[in-house]
Amino acid sequence: MSPANYSKFIDFLQKDLSISAASIDVALRHREQDPGPLPMILWQYGLVTLDQLNQIYDWLESAVV
């Protein structure tokens, strides 16, 4: 993901899904230890619901196209 898209993605998480910056930071720290897709890490640690995870993947799919 390009830096511009990454910034938009973080914006989407915070503004559209109301995920706190602290939750995103937690996921990013865990990602350093156990690399994987950020959306899955957010879900694995209970920081997003399954519905939110689906919204994230829908957003990512539309952002790539």
PDB file of N, CA and C in Angstrom:
ATOM      1  N   MET A   1       0.851  -1.174   0.000  1.00  0.00           N
ATOM      2  CA  MET A   1       0.000   0.000   0.000  1.00  0.00           C
ATOM      3  C   MET A   1       0.895   1.234   0.000  1.00  0.00           C
ATOM      4  N   SER A   2       0.570   2.158  -0.883  1.00  0.00           N
ATOM      5  CA  SER A   2       1.366   3.377  -0.971  1.00  0.00           C
ATOM      6  C   SER A   2       1.154   4.242   0.277  1.00  0.00           C
ATOM      7  N   PRO A   3       2.128   5.102   0.572  1.00  0.00           N
ATOM      8  CA  PRO A   3       1.977   5.967   1.756  1.00  0.00           C
ATOM      9  C   PRO A   3       0.700   6.809   1.720  1.00  0.00           C
ATOM     10  N   ALA A   4       0.296   7.285   0.559  1.00  0.00           N
ATOM     11  CA  ALA A   4      -0.926   8.085   0.448  1.00  0.00           C
ATOM     12  C   ALA A   4      -2.153   7.243   0.782  1.00  0.00           C
ATOM     13  N   ASN A   5      -2.198   6.011   0.235  1.00  0.00           N
ATOM     14  CA  ASN A   5      -3.316   5.117   0.529  1.00  0.00           C
ATOM     15  C   ASN A   5      -3.301   4.684   1.990  1.00  0.00           C
ATOM     16  N   TYR A   6      -2.113   4.483   2.543  1.00  0.00           N
ATOM     17  CA  TYR A   6      -2.002   4.085   3.947  1.00  0.00           C
ATOM     18  C   TYR A   6      -2.587   5.173   4.843  1.00  0.00           C
ATOM     19  N   SER A   7      -2.290   6.409   4.529  1.00  0.00           N
ATOM     20  CA  SER A   7      -2.819   7.536   5.295  1.00  0.00           C
ATOM     21  C   SER A   7      -4.348   7.587   5.189  1.00  0.00           C
ATOM     22  N   LYS A   8      -4.871   7.374   3.979  1.00  0.00           N
ATOM     23  CA  LYS A   8      -6.321   7.346   3.780  1.00  0.00           C
ATOM     24  C   LYS A   8      -6.947   6.176   4.533  1.00  0.00           C
ATOM     25  N   PHE A   9      -6.244   5.048   4.561  1.00  0.00           N
ATOM     26  CA  PHE A   9      -6.734   3.862   5.266  1.00  0.00           C
ATOM     27  C   PHE A   9      -6.845   4.141   6.773  1.00  0.00           C
ATOM     28  N   ILE A  10      -5.819   4.727   7.343  1.00  0.00           N
ATOM     29  CA  ILE A  10      -5.836   5.054   8.773  1.00  0.00           C
ATOM     30  C   ILE A  10      -6.954   6.066   9.043  1.00  0.00           C
ATOM     31  N   ASP A  11      -7.118   7.018   8.145  1.00  0.00           N
ATOM     32  CA  ASP A  11      -8.208   7.996   8.263  1.00  0.00           C
ATOM     33  C   ASP A  11      -9.566   7.297   8.257  1.00  0.00           C
ATOM     34  N   PHE A  12      -9.734   6.344   7.352  1.00  0.00           N
ATOM     35  CA  PHE A  12     -10.977   5.568   7.269  1.00  0.00           C
ATOM     36  C   PHE A  12     -11.235   4.828   8.578  1.00  0.00           C
ATOM     37  N   LEU A  13     -10.211   4.189   9.111  1.00  0.00           N
ATOM     38  CA  LEU A  13     -10.370   3.452  10.361  1.00  0.00           C
ATOM     39  C   LEU A  13     -10.831   4.369  11.490  1.00  0.00           C
ATOM     40  N   GLN A  14     -10.220   5.535  11.571  1.00  0.00           N
ATOM     41  CA  GLN A  14     -10.524   6.449  12.667  1.00  0.00           C
ATOM     42  C   GLN A  14     -11.851   7.186  12.476  1.00  0.00           C
ATOM     43  N   LYS A  15     -12.104   7.686  11.283  1.00  0.00           N
ATOM     44  CA  LYS A  15     -13.291   8.517  11.075  1.00  0.00           C
ATOM     45  C   LYS A  15     -14.546   7.709  10.776  1.00  0.00           C
ATOM     46  N   ASP A  16     -14.440   6.721   9.899  1.00  0.00           N
ATOM     47  CA  ASP A  16     -15.630   5.977   9.493  1.00  0.00           C
ATOM     48  C   ASP A  16     -15.980   4.853  10.464  1.00  0.00           C
ATOM     49  N   LEU A  17     -14.954   4.205  11.016  1.00  0.00           N
ATOM     50  CA  LEU A  17     -15.215   3.085  11.920  1.00  0.00           C
ATOM     51  C   LEU A  17     -15.018   3.433  13.390  1.00  0.00           C
ATOM     52  N   SER A  18     -14.595   4.651  13.650  1.00  0.00           N
ATOM     53  CA  SER A  18     -14.396   5.135  15.034  1.00  0.00           C
ATOM     54  C   SER A  18     -13.423   4.274  15.835  1.00  0.00           C
ATOM     55  N   ILE A  19     -12.364   3.837  15.184  1.00  0.00           N
ATOM     56  CA  ILE A  19     -11.321   3.070  15.871  1.00  0.00           C
ATOM     57  C   ILE A  19     -10.307   4.072  16.405  1.00  0.00           C
ATOM     58  N   SER A  20     -10.017   3.975  17.667  1.00  0.00           N
ATOM     59  CA  SER A  20      -9.129   4.957  18.297  1.00  0.00           C
ATOM     60  C   SER A  20      -7.697   4.818  17.803  1.00  0.00           C
ATOM     61  N   ALA A  21      -6.973   5.917  17.901  1.00  0.00           N
ATOM     62  CA  ALA A  21      -5.553   5.909  17.537  1.00  0.00           C
ATOM     63  C   ALA A  21      -4.804   4.926  18.426  1.00  0.00           C
ATOM     64  N   ALA A  22      -5.209   4.826  19.683  1.00  0.00           N
ATOM     65  CA  ALA A  22      -4.556   3.892  20.611  1.00  0.00           C
ATOM     66  C   ALA A  22      -4.738   2.449  20.147  1.00  0.00           C
ATOM     67  N   SER A  23      -5.925   2.100  19.681  1.00  0.00           N
ATOM     68  CA  SER A  23      -6.167   0.739  19.187  1.00  0.00           C
ATOM     69  C   SER A  23      -5.325   0.444  17.960  1.00  0.00           C
ATOM     70  N   ILE A  24      -5.225   1.426  17.075  1.00  0.00           N
ATOM     71  CA  ILE A  24      -4.405   1.244  15.874  1.00  0.00           C
ATOM     72  C   ILE A  24      -2.942   1.084  16.264  1.00  0.00           C
ATOM     73  N   ASP A  25      -2.486   1.866  17.233  1.00  0.00           N
ATOM     74  CA  ASP A  25      -1.102   1.744  17.713  1.00  0.00           C
ATOM     75  C   ASP A  25      -0.836   0.363  18.297  1.00  0.00           C
ATOM     76  N   VAL A  26      -1.789  -0.163  19.063  1.00  0.00           N
ATOM     77  CA  VAL A  26      -1.642  -1.508  19.638  1.00  0.00           C
ATOM     78  C   VAL A  26      -1.472  -2.526  18.510  1.00  0.00           C
ATOM     79  N   ALA A  27      -2.317  -2.424  17.498  1.00  0.00           N
ATOM     80  CA  ALA A  27      -2.241  -3.370  16.376  1.00  0.00           C
ATOM     81  C   ALA A  27      -0.911  -3.245  15.640  1.00  0.00           C
ATOM     82  N   LEU A  28      -0.441  -2.030  15.460  1.00  0.00           N
ATOM     83  CA  LEU A  28       0.837  -1.829  14.767  1.00  0.00           C
ATOM     84  C   LEU A  28       2.000  -2.402  15.568  1.00  0.00           C
ATOM     85  N   ARG A  29       1.951  -2.285  16.897  1.00  0.00           N
ATOM     86  CA  ARG A  29       3.010  -2.878  17.739  1.00  0.00           C
ATOM     87  C   ARG A  29       2.991  -4.398  17.636  1.00  0.00           C
ATOM     88  N   HIS A  30       1.804  -4.989  17.632  1.00  0.00           N
ATOM     89  CA  HIS A  30       1.701  -6.447  17.504  1.00  0.00           C
ATOM     90  C   HIS A  30       2.143  -6.895  16.116  1.00  0.00           C
ATOM     91  N   ARG A  31       1.909  -6.048  15.141  1.00  0.00           N
ATOM     92  CA  ARG A  31       2.295  -6.375  13.768  1.00  0.00           C
ATOM     93  C   ARG A  31       3.813  -6.488  13.643  1.00  0.00           C
ATOM     94  N   GLU A  32       4.545  -5.694  14.417  1.00  0.00           N
ATOM     95  CA  GLU A  32       6.008  -5.761  14.380  1.00  0.00           C
ATOM     96  C   GLU A  32       6.502  -7.119  14.867  1.00  0.00           C
ATOM     97  N   GLN A  33       5.816  -7.676  15.867  1.00  0.00           N
ATOM     98  CA  GLN A  33       6.223  -8.961  16.435  1.00  0.00           C
ATOM     99  C   GLN A  33       5.696 -10.141  15.625  1.00  0.00           C
ATOM    100  N   ASP A  34       4.506  -9.986  15.074  1.00  0.00           N
ATOM    101  CA  ASP A  34       3.854 -11.061  14.338  1.00  0.00           C
ATOM    102  C   ASP A  34       3.292 -10.489  13.042  1.00  0.00           C
ATOM    103  N   PRO A  35       4.149 -10.361  12.011  1.00  0.00           N
ATOM    104  CA  PRO A  35       3.715  -9.706  10.776  1.00  0.00           C
ATOM    105  C   PRO A  35       2.462 -10.341  10.177  1.00  0.00           C
ATOM    106  N   GLY A  36       1.608  -9.488   9.702  1.00  0.00           N
ATOM    107  CA  GLY A  36       0.375  -9.937   9.065  1.00  0.00           C
ATOM    108  C   GLY A  36      -0.412  -8.726   8.626  1.00  0.00           C
ATOM    109  N   PRO A  37      -1.510  -8.971   7.928  1.00  0.00           N
ATOM    110  CA  PRO A  37      -2.331  -7.842   7.470  1.00  0.00           C
ATOM    111  C   PRO A  37      -2.928  -7.088   8.670  1.00  0.00           C
ATOM    112  N   LEU A  38      -2.836  -5.784   8.644  1.00  0.00           N
ATOM    113  CA  LEU A  38      -3.342  -4.963   9.743  1.00  0.00           C
ATOM    114  C   LEU A  38      -4.814  -5.240  10.054  1.00  0.00           C
ATOM    115  N   PRO A  39      -5.684  -5.389   9.046  1.00  0.00           N
ATOM    116  CA  PRO A  39      -7.086  -5.670   9.373  1.00  0.00           C
ATOM    117  C   PRO A  39      -7.258  -6.955  10.198  1.00  0.00           C
ATOM    118  N   MET A  40      -6.510  -7.970   9.869  1.00  0.00           N
ATOM    119  CA  MET A  40      -6.624  -9.234  10.615  1.00  0.00           C
ATOM    120  C   MET A  40      -6.097  -9.082  12.035  1.00  0.00           C
ATOM    121  N   ILE A  41      -5.055  -8.323  12.210  1.00  0.00           N
ATOM    122  CA  ILE A  41      -4.513  -8.097  13.554  1.00  0.00           C
ATOM    123  C   ILE A  41      -5.518  -7.323  14.390  1.00  0.00           C
ATOM    124  N   LEU A  42      -6.140  -6.305  13.796  1.00  0.00           N
ATOM    125  CA  LEU A  42      -7.175  -5.562  14.514  1.00  0.00           C
ATOM    126  C   LEU A  42      -8.288  -6.497  14.975  1.00  0.00           C
ATOM    127  N   TRP A  43      -8.698  -7.412  14.109  1.00  0.00           N
ATOM    128  CA  TRP A  43      -9.772  -8.344  14.442  1.00  0.00           C
ATOM    129  C   TRP A  43      -9.319  -9.377  15.477  1.00  0.00           C
ATOM    130  N   GLN A  44      -8.118  -9.935  15.307  1.00  0.00           N
ATOM    131  CA  GLN A  44      -7.620 -10.960  16.230  1.00  0.00           C
ATOM    132  C   GLN A  44      -7.527 -10.448  17.659  1.00  0.00           C
ATOM    133  N   TYR A  45      -7.203  -9.178  17.810  1.00  0.00           N
ATOM    134  CA  TYR A  45      -7.070  -8.613  19.150  1.00  0.00           C
ATOM    135  C   TYR A  45      -8.361  -7.964  19.641  1.00  0.00           C
ATOM    136  N   GLY A  46      -9.450  -8.201  18.921  1.00  0.00           N
ATOM    137  CA  GLY A  46     -10.746  -7.715  19.354  1.00  0.00           C
ATOM    138  C   GLY A  46     -10.923  -6.216  19.237  1.00  0.00           C
ATOM    139  N   LEU A  47     -10.151  -5.587  18.369  1.00  0.00           N
ATOM    140  CA  LEU A  47     -10.218  -4.137  18.214  1.00  0.00           C
ATOM    141  C   LEU A  47     -11.250  -3.714  17.176  1.00  0.00           C
ATOM    142  N   VAL A  48     -11.691  -4.663  16.347  1.00  0.00           N
ATOM    143  CA  VAL A  48     -12.789  -4.428  15.404  1.00  0.00           C
ATOM    144  C   VAL A  48     -13.702  -5.651  15.423  1.00  0.00           C
ATOM    145  N   THR A  49     -14.957  -5.432  15.064  1.00  0.00           N
ATOM    146  CA  THR A  49     -15.912  -6.533  14.964  1.00  0.00           C
ATOM    147  C   THR A  49     -15.776  -7.201  13.596  1.00  0.00           C
ATOM    148  N   LEU A  50     -16.436  -8.312  13.443  1.00  0.00           N
ATOM    149  CA  LEU A  50     -16.428  -8.999  12.147  1.00  0.00           C
ATOM    150  C   LEU A  50     -17.075  -8.123  11.079  1.00  0.00           C
ATOM    151  N   ASP A  51     -18.129  -7.405  11.449  1.00  0.00           N
ATOM    152  CA  ASP A  51     -18.778  -6.493  10.510  1.00  0.00           C
ATOM    153  C   ASP A  51     -17.809  -5.382  10.086  1.00  0.00           C
ATOM    154  N   GLN A  52     -17.077  -4.832  11.049  1.00  0.00           N
ATOM    155  CA  GLN A  52     -16.096  -3.796  10.720  1.00  0.00           C
ATOM    156  C   GLN A  52     -14.985  -4.359   9.843  1.00  0.00           C
ATOM    157  N   LEU A  53     -14.581  -5.597  10.112  1.00  0.00           N
ATOM    158  CA  LEU A  53     -13.545  -6.238   9.296  1.00  0.00           C
ATOM    159  C   LEU A  53     -14.017  -6.334   7.844  1.00  0.00           C
ATOM    160  N   ASN A  54     -15.270  -6.702   7.645  1.00  0.00           N
ATOM    161  CA  ASN A  54     -15.824  -6.757   6.285  1.00  0.00           C
ATOM    162  C   ASN A  54     -15.821  -5.377   5.640  1.00  0.00           C
ATOM    163  N   GLN A  55     -16.170  -4.351   6.407  1.00  0.00           N
ATOM    164  CA  GLN A  55     -16.150  -2.981   5.881  1.00  0.00           C
ATOM    165  C   GLN A  55     -14.725  -2.573   5.496  1.00  0.00           C
ATOM    166  N   ILE A  56     -13.762  -2.979   6.297  1.00  0.00           N
ATOM    167  CA  ILE A  56     -12.362  -2.661   6.004  1.00  0.00           C
ATOM    168  C   ILE A  56     -11.944  -3.296   4.686  1.00  0.00           C
ATOM    169  N   TYR A  57     -12.255  -4.580   4.516  1.00  0.00           N
ATOM    170  CA  TYR A  57     -11.857  -5.248   3.270  1.00  0.00           C
ATOM    171  C   TYR A  57     -12.610  -4.687   2.072  1.00  0.00           C
ATOM    172  N   ASP A  58     -13.867  -4.286   2.255  1.00  0.00           N
ATOM    173  CA  ASP A  58     -14.598  -3.625   1.165  1.00  0.00           C
ATOM    174  C   ASP A  58     -13.908  -2.320   0.796  1.00  0.00           C
ATOM    175  N   TRP A  59     -13.500  -1.545   1.806  1.00  0.00           N
ATOM    176  CA  TRP A  59     -12.821  -0.274   1.550  1.00  0.00           C
ATOM    177  C   TRP A  59     -11.496  -0.524   0.828  1.00  0.00           C
ATOM    178  N   LEU A  60     -10.743  -1.498   1.301  1.00  0.00           N
ATOM    179  CA  LEU A  60      -9.449  -1.796   0.682  1.00  0.00           C
ATOM    180  C   LEU A  60      -9.622  -2.222  -0.771  1.00  0.00           C
ATOM    181  N   GLU A  61     -10.649  -3.020  -1.027  1.00  0.00           N
ATOM    182  CA  GLU A  61     -10.904  -3.470  -2.399  1.00  0.00           C
ATOM    183  C   GLU A  61     -11.238  -2.284  -3.302  1.00  0.00           C
ATOM    184  N   SER A  62     -12.045  -1.365  -2.818  1.00  0.00           N
ATOM    185  CA  SER A  62     -12.416  -0.208  -3.639  1.00  0.00           C
ATOM    186  C   SER A  62     -11.253   0.776  -3.767  1.00  0.00           C
ATOM    187  N   ALA A  63     -10.384   0.840  -2.785  1.00  0.00           N
ATOM    188  CA  ALA A  63      -9.243   1.758  -2.815  1.00  0.00           C
ATOM    189  C   ALA A  63      -8.189   1.295  -3.815  1.00  0.00           C
ATOM    190  N   VAL A  64      -8.080  -0.002  -4.022  1.00  0.00           N
ATOM    191  CA  VAL A  64      -7.060  -0.549  -4.925  1.00  0.00           C
ATOM    192  C   VAL A  64      -7.465  -0.333  -6.374  1.00  0.00           C
ATOM    193  N   VAL A  65      -8.746  -0.393  -6.651  1.00  0.00           N
ATOM    194  CA  VAL A  65      -9.238  -0.290  -8.027  1.00  0.00           C
ATOM    195  C   VAL A  65      -9.157   1.099  -8.561  1.00  0.00           C
TER     196      VAL A  65
END
